[in-house]
């Protein structure tokens, strides 16, 4: 993560499932994540509704 940040990349962590993982990522200055903590997989139609 540090290397990617040093190169100017935005980092997305995968597999975040628990608040402890989110807190750990925040401590590393990772601001984007995906995983069951945020949402279980949804169909494209449902995802579009979430964006609206």
PDB file of N, CA and C in Angstrom:
ATOM      1  N   UNK A   1       0.826  -1.168   0.000  1.00  0.00           N
ATOM      2  CA  UNK A   1       0.000   0.000   0.000  1.00  0.00           C
ATOM      3  C   UNK A   1       0.879   1.244   0.000  1.00  0.00           C
ATOM      4  N   UNK A   2       1.923   1.241   0.805  1.00  0.00           N
ATOM      5  CA  UNK A   2       2.801   2.406   0.875  1.00  0.00           C
ATOM      6  C   UNK A   2       3.466   2.671  -0.474  1.00  0.00           C
ATOM      7  N   UNK A   3       3.858   1.630  -1.168  1.00  0.00           N
ATOM      8  CA  UNK A   3       4.498   1.807  -2.469  1.00  0.00           C
ATOM      9  C   UNK A   3       3.518   2.420  -3.465  1.00  0.00           C
ATOM     10  N   UNK A   4       2.311   1.904  -3.505  1.00  0.00           N
ATOM     11  CA  UNK A   4       1.301   2.445  -4.402  1.00  0.00           C
ATOM     12  C   UNK A   4       1.002   3.906  -4.113  1.00  0.00           C
ATOM     13  N   UNK A   5       0.892   4.242  -2.835  1.00  0.00           N
ATOM     14  CA  UNK A   5       0.639   5.629  -2.451  1.00  0.00           C
ATOM     15  C   UNK A   5       1.816   6.517  -2.836  1.00  0.00           C
ATOM     16  N   UNK A   6       3.038   6.016  -2.646  1.00  0.00           N
ATOM     17  CA  UNK A   6       4.225   6.798  -3.000  1.00  0.00           C
ATOM     18  C   UNK A   6       4.286   7.058  -4.500  1.00  0.00           C
ATOM     19  N   UNK A   7       3.737   6.141  -5.291  1.00  0.00           N
ATOM     20  CA  UNK A   7       3.707   6.298  -6.742  1.00  0.00           C
ATOM     21  C   UNK A   7       2.511   7.118  -7.213  1.00  0.00           C
ATOM     22  N   UNK A   8       1.671   7.549  -6.279  1.00  0.00           N
ATOM     23  CA  UNK A   8       0.531   8.388  -6.618  1.00  0.00           C
ATOM     24  C   UNK A   8      -0.724   7.629  -7.009  1.00  0.00           C
ATOM     25  N   UNK A   9      -0.742   6.325  -6.753  1.00  0.00           N
ATOM     26  CA  UNK A   9      -1.921   5.529  -7.090  1.00  0.00           C
ATOM     27  C   UNK A   9      -2.978   5.644  -6.002  1.00  0.00           C
ATOM     28  N   UNK A  10      -4.233   5.492  -6.394  1.00  0.00           N
ATOM     29  CA  UNK A  10      -5.305   5.340  -5.416  1.00  0.00           C
ATOM     30  C   UNK A  10      -5.399   3.857  -5.104  1.00  0.00           C
ATOM     31  N   UNK A  11      -5.505   3.533  -3.851  1.00  0.00           N
ATOM     32  CA  UNK A  11      -5.491   2.145  -3.405  1.00  0.00           C
ATOM     33  C   UNK A  11      -6.899   1.728  -2.991  1.00  0.00           C
ATOM     34  N   UNK A  12      -7.343   0.579  -3.496  1.00  0.00           N
ATOM     35  CA  UNK A  12      -8.622  -0.007  -3.099  1.00  0.00           C
ATOM     36  C   UNK A  12      -8.318  -1.357  -2.451  1.00  0.00           C
ATOM     37  N   UNK A  13      -8.675  -1.497  -1.194  1.00  0.00           N
ATOM     38  CA  UNK A  13      -8.473  -2.750  -0.484  1.00  0.00           C
ATOM     39  C   UNK A  13      -9.675  -3.657  -0.729  1.00  0.00           C
ATOM     40  N   UNK A  14      -9.418  -4.923  -0.967  1.00  0.00           N
ATOM     41  CA  UNK A  14     -10.486  -5.896  -1.202  1.00  0.00           C
ATOM     42  C   UNK A  14     -10.724  -6.746   0.032  1.00  0.00           C
ATOM     43  N   UNK A  15     -11.940  -7.218   0.164  1.00  0.00           N
ATOM     44  CA  UNK A  15     -12.261  -8.200   1.195  1.00  0.00           C
ATOM     45  C   UNK A  15     -12.501  -7.639   2.580  1.00  0.00           C
ATOM     46  N   UNK A  16     -12.853  -6.374   2.695  1.00  0.00           N
ATOM     47  CA  UNK A  16     -13.126  -5.789   4.007  1.00  0.00           C
ATOM     48  C   UNK A  16     -14.458  -6.319   4.526  1.00  0.00           C
ATOM     49  N   UNK A  17     -14.398  -7.038   5.645  1.00  0.00           N
ATOM     50  CA  UNK A  17     -15.608  -7.670   6.173  1.00  0.00           C
ATOM     51  C   UNK A  17     -15.949  -7.240   7.590  1.00  0.00           C
ATOM     52  N   UNK A  18     -14.971  -6.695   8.328  1.00  0.00           N
ATOM     53  CA  UNK A  18     -15.219  -6.333   9.729  1.00  0.00           C
ATOM     54  C   UNK A  18     -14.712  -4.919  10.008  1.00  0.00           C
ATOM     55  N   UNK A  19     -15.290  -4.288  11.011  1.00  0.00           N
ATOM     56  CA  UNK A  19     -14.916  -2.925  11.374  1.00  0.00           C
ATOM     57  C   UNK A  19     -13.436  -2.849  11.743  1.00  0.00           C
ATOM     58  N   UNK A  20     -12.909  -3.901  12.342  1.00  0.00           N
ATOM     59  CA  UNK A  20     -11.491  -3.895  12.711  1.00  0.00           C
ATOM     60  C   UNK A  20     -10.605  -3.767  11.470  1.00  0.00           C
ATOM     61  N   UNK A  21     -11.020  -4.385  10.386  1.00  0.00           N
ATOM     62  CA  UNK A  21     -10.266  -4.279   9.139  1.00  0.00           C
ATOM     63  C   UNK A  21     -10.340  -2.859   8.580  1.00  0.00           C
ATOM     64  N   UNK A  22     -11.502  -2.248   8.650  1.00  0.00           N
ATOM     65  CA  UNK A  22     -11.675  -0.878   8.173  1.00  0.00           C
ATOM     66  C   UNK A  22     -10.797   0.065   8.995  1.00  0.00           C
ATOM     67  N   UNK A  23     -10.787  -0.098  10.299  1.00  0.00           N
ATOM     68  CA  UNK A  23      -9.961   0.745  11.161  1.00  0.00           C
ATOM     69  C   UNK A  23      -8.482   0.574  10.833  1.00  0.00           C
ATOM     70  N   UNK A  24      -8.061  -0.656  10.575  1.00  0.00           N
ATOM     71  CA  UNK A  24      -6.672  -0.924  10.194  1.00  0.00           C
ATOM     72  C   UNK A  24      -6.334  -0.220   8.887  1.00  0.00           C
ATOM     73  N   UNK A  25      -7.217  -0.314   7.915  1.00  0.00           N
ATOM     74  CA  UNK A  25      -6.987   0.337   6.625  1.00  0.00           C
ATOM     75  C   UNK A  25      -6.917   1.855   6.778  1.00  0.00           C
ATOM     76  N   UNK A  26      -7.792   2.410   7.590  1.00  0.00           N
ATOM     77  CA  UNK A  26      -7.765   3.857   7.832  1.00  0.00           C
ATOM     78  C   UNK A  26      -6.451   4.285   8.471  1.00  0.00           C
ATOM     79  N   UNK A  27      -5.922   3.453   9.379  1.00  0.00           N
ATOM     80  CA  UNK A  27      -4.641   3.761  10.021  1.00  0.00           C
ATOM     81  C   UNK A  27      -3.509   3.794   9.000  1.00  0.00           C
ATOM     82  N   UNK A  28      -3.672   3.071   7.890  1.00  0.00           N
ATOM     83  CA  UNK A  28      -2.678   3.052   6.818  1.00  0.00           C
ATOM     84  C   UNK A  28      -2.988   4.082   5.734  1.00  0.00           C
ATOM     85  N   UNK A  29      -3.945   4.965   6.011  1.00  0.00           N
ATOM     86  CA  UNK A  29      -4.373   6.005   5.064  1.00  0.00           C
ATOM     87  C   UNK A  29      -5.004   5.430   3.797  1.00  0.00           C
ATOM     88  N   UNK A  30      -5.606   4.277   3.904  1.00  0.00           N
ATOM     89  CA  UNK A  30      -6.361   3.694   2.789  1.00  0.00           C
ATOM     90  C   UNK A  30      -7.807   4.163   2.936  1.00  0.00           C
ATOM     91  N   UNK A  31      -8.301   4.891   1.949  1.00  0.00           N
ATOM     92  CA  UNK A  31      -9.632   5.483   2.064  1.00  0.00           C
ATOM     93  C   UNK A  31     -10.692   4.766   1.245  1.00  0.00           C
ATOM     94  N   UNK A  32     -10.286   3.779   0.445  1.00  0.00           N
ATOM     95  CA  UNK A  32     -11.258   3.056  -0.377  1.00  0.00           C
ATOM     96  C   UNK A  32     -11.139   1.560  -0.116  1.00  0.00           C
ATOM     97  N   UNK A  33     -12.284   0.928  -0.016  1.00  0.00           N
ATOM     98  CA  UNK A  33     -12.299  -0.518   0.194  1.00  0.00           C
ATOM     99  C   UNK A  33     -13.570  -1.085  -0.407  1.00  0.00           C
ATOM    100  N   UNK A  34     -13.547  -2.391  -0.599  1.00  0.00           N
ATOM    101  CA  UNK A  34     -14.756  -3.095  -1.021  1.00  0.00           C
ATOM    102  C   UNK A  34     -14.831  -4.384  -0.239  1.00  0.00           C
ATOM    103  N   UNK A  35     -16.030  -4.860  -0.071  1.00  0.00           N
ATOM    104  CA  UNK A  35     -16.212  -6.103   0.646  1.00  0.00           C
ATOM    105  C   UNK A  35     -17.568  -6.172   1.307  1.00  0.00           C
ATOM    106  N   UNK A  36     -17.815  -7.261   1.991  1.00  0.00           N
ATOM    107  CA  UNK A  36     -19.111  -7.490   2.617  1.00  0.00           C
ATOM    108  C   UNK A  36     -19.436  -6.478   3.697  1.00  0.00           C
ATOM    109  N   UNK A  37     -18.431  -5.797   4.260  1.00  0.00           N
ATOM    110  CA  UNK A  37     -18.722  -4.791   5.276  1.00  0.00           C
ATOM    111  C   UNK A  37     -19.622  -3.707   4.700  1.00  0.00           C
ATOM    112  N   UNK A  38     -19.356  -3.324   3.480  1.00  0.00           N
ATOM    113  CA  UNK A  38     -20.138  -2.269   2.823  1.00  0.00           C
ATOM    114  C   UNK A  38     -21.405  -2.830   2.187  1.00  0.00           C
ATOM    115  N   UNK A  39     -21.281  -3.946   1.464  1.00  0.00           N
ATOM    116  CA  UNK A  39     -22.436  -4.517   0.780  1.00  0.00           C
ATOM    117  C   UNK A  39     -22.108  -5.914   0.274  1.00  0.00           C
ATOM    118  N   UNK A  40     -23.074  -6.777   0.344  1.00  0.00           N
ATOM    119  CA  UNK A  40     -22.935  -8.079  -0.307  1.00  0.00           C
ATOM    120  C   UNK A  40     -23.105  -7.868  -1.810  1.00  0.00           C
ATOM    121  N   UNK A  41     -22.668  -8.809  -2.628  1.00  0.00           N
ATOM    122  CA  UNK A  41     -22.828  -8.650  -4.077  1.00  0.00           C
ATOM    123  C   UNK A  41     -24.293  -8.426  -4.452  1.00  0.00           C
ATOM    124  N   UNK A  42     -24.510  -7.514  -5.407  1.00  0.00           N
ATOM    125  CA  UNK A  42     -25.865  -7.225  -5.878  1.00  0.00           C
ATOM    126  C   UNK A  42     -25.887  -7.255  -7.408  1.00  0.00           C
ATOM    127  N   UNK A  43     -27.048  -7.464  -7.963  1.00  0.00           N
ATOM    128  CA  UNK A  43     -27.212  -7.439  -9.421  1.00  0.00           C
ATOM    129  C   UNK A  43     -27.018  -6.017  -9.935  1.00  0.00           C
ATOM    130  N   UNK A  44     -26.695  -5.897 -11.202  1.00  0.00           N
ATOM    131  CA  UNK A  44     -26.427  -4.603 -11.819  1.00  0.00           C
ATOM    132  C   UNK A  44     -27.596  -3.636 -11.630  1.00  0.00           C
ATOM    133  N   UNK A  45     -28.816  -4.126 -11.777  1.00  0.00           N
ATOM    134  CA  UNK A  45     -29.989  -3.266 -11.645  1.00  0.00           C
ATOM    135  C   UNK A  45     -30.089  -2.690 -10.233  1.00  0.00           C
ATOM    136  N   UNK A  46     -29.820  -3.507  -9.233  1.00  0.00           N
ATOM    137  CA  UNK A  46     -29.868  -3.046  -7.856  1.00  0.00           C
ATOM    138  C   UNK A  46     -28.729  -2.064  -7.574  1.00  0.00           C
ATOM    139  N   UNK A  47     -27.571  -2.327  -8.153  1.00  0.00           N
ATOM    140  CA  UNK A  47     -26.428  -1.442  -7.980  1.00  0.00           C
ATOM    141  C   UNK A  47     -26.727  -0.052  -8.546  1.00  0.00           C
ATOM    142  N   UNK A  48     -27.375  -0.011  -9.694  1.00  0.00           N
ATOM    143  CA  UNK A  48     -27.746   1.277 -10.297  1.00  0.00           C
ATOM    144  C   UNK A  48     -28.654   2.073  -9.362  1.00  0.00           C
ATOM    145  N   UNK A  49     -29.558   1.379  -8.666  1.00  0.00           N
ATOM    146  CA  UNK A  49     -30.446   2.062  -7.721  1.00  0.00           C
ATOM    147  C   UNK A  49     -29.652   2.631  -6.547  1.00  0.00           C
ATOM    148  N   UNK A  50     -28.612   1.909  -6.113  1.00  0.00           N
ATOM    149  CA  UNK A  50     -27.786   2.388  -5.008  1.00  0.00           C
ATOM    150  C   UNK A  50     -27.044   3.659  -5.375  1.00  0.00           C
ATOM    151  N   UNK A  51     -26.680   3.788  -6.651  1.00  0.00           N
ATOM    152  CA  UNK A  51     -25.958   4.967  -7.111  1.00  0.00           C
ATOM    153  C   UNK A  51     -26.854   6.185  -7.235  1.00  0.00           C
ATOM    154  N   UNK A  52     -28.135   5.958  -7.461  1.00  0.00           N
ATOM    155  CA  UNK A  52     -29.090   7.040  -7.704  1.00  0.00           C
ATOM    156  C   UNK A  52     -29.483   7.731  -6.481  1.00  0.00           C
TER     157      UNK A  52
END
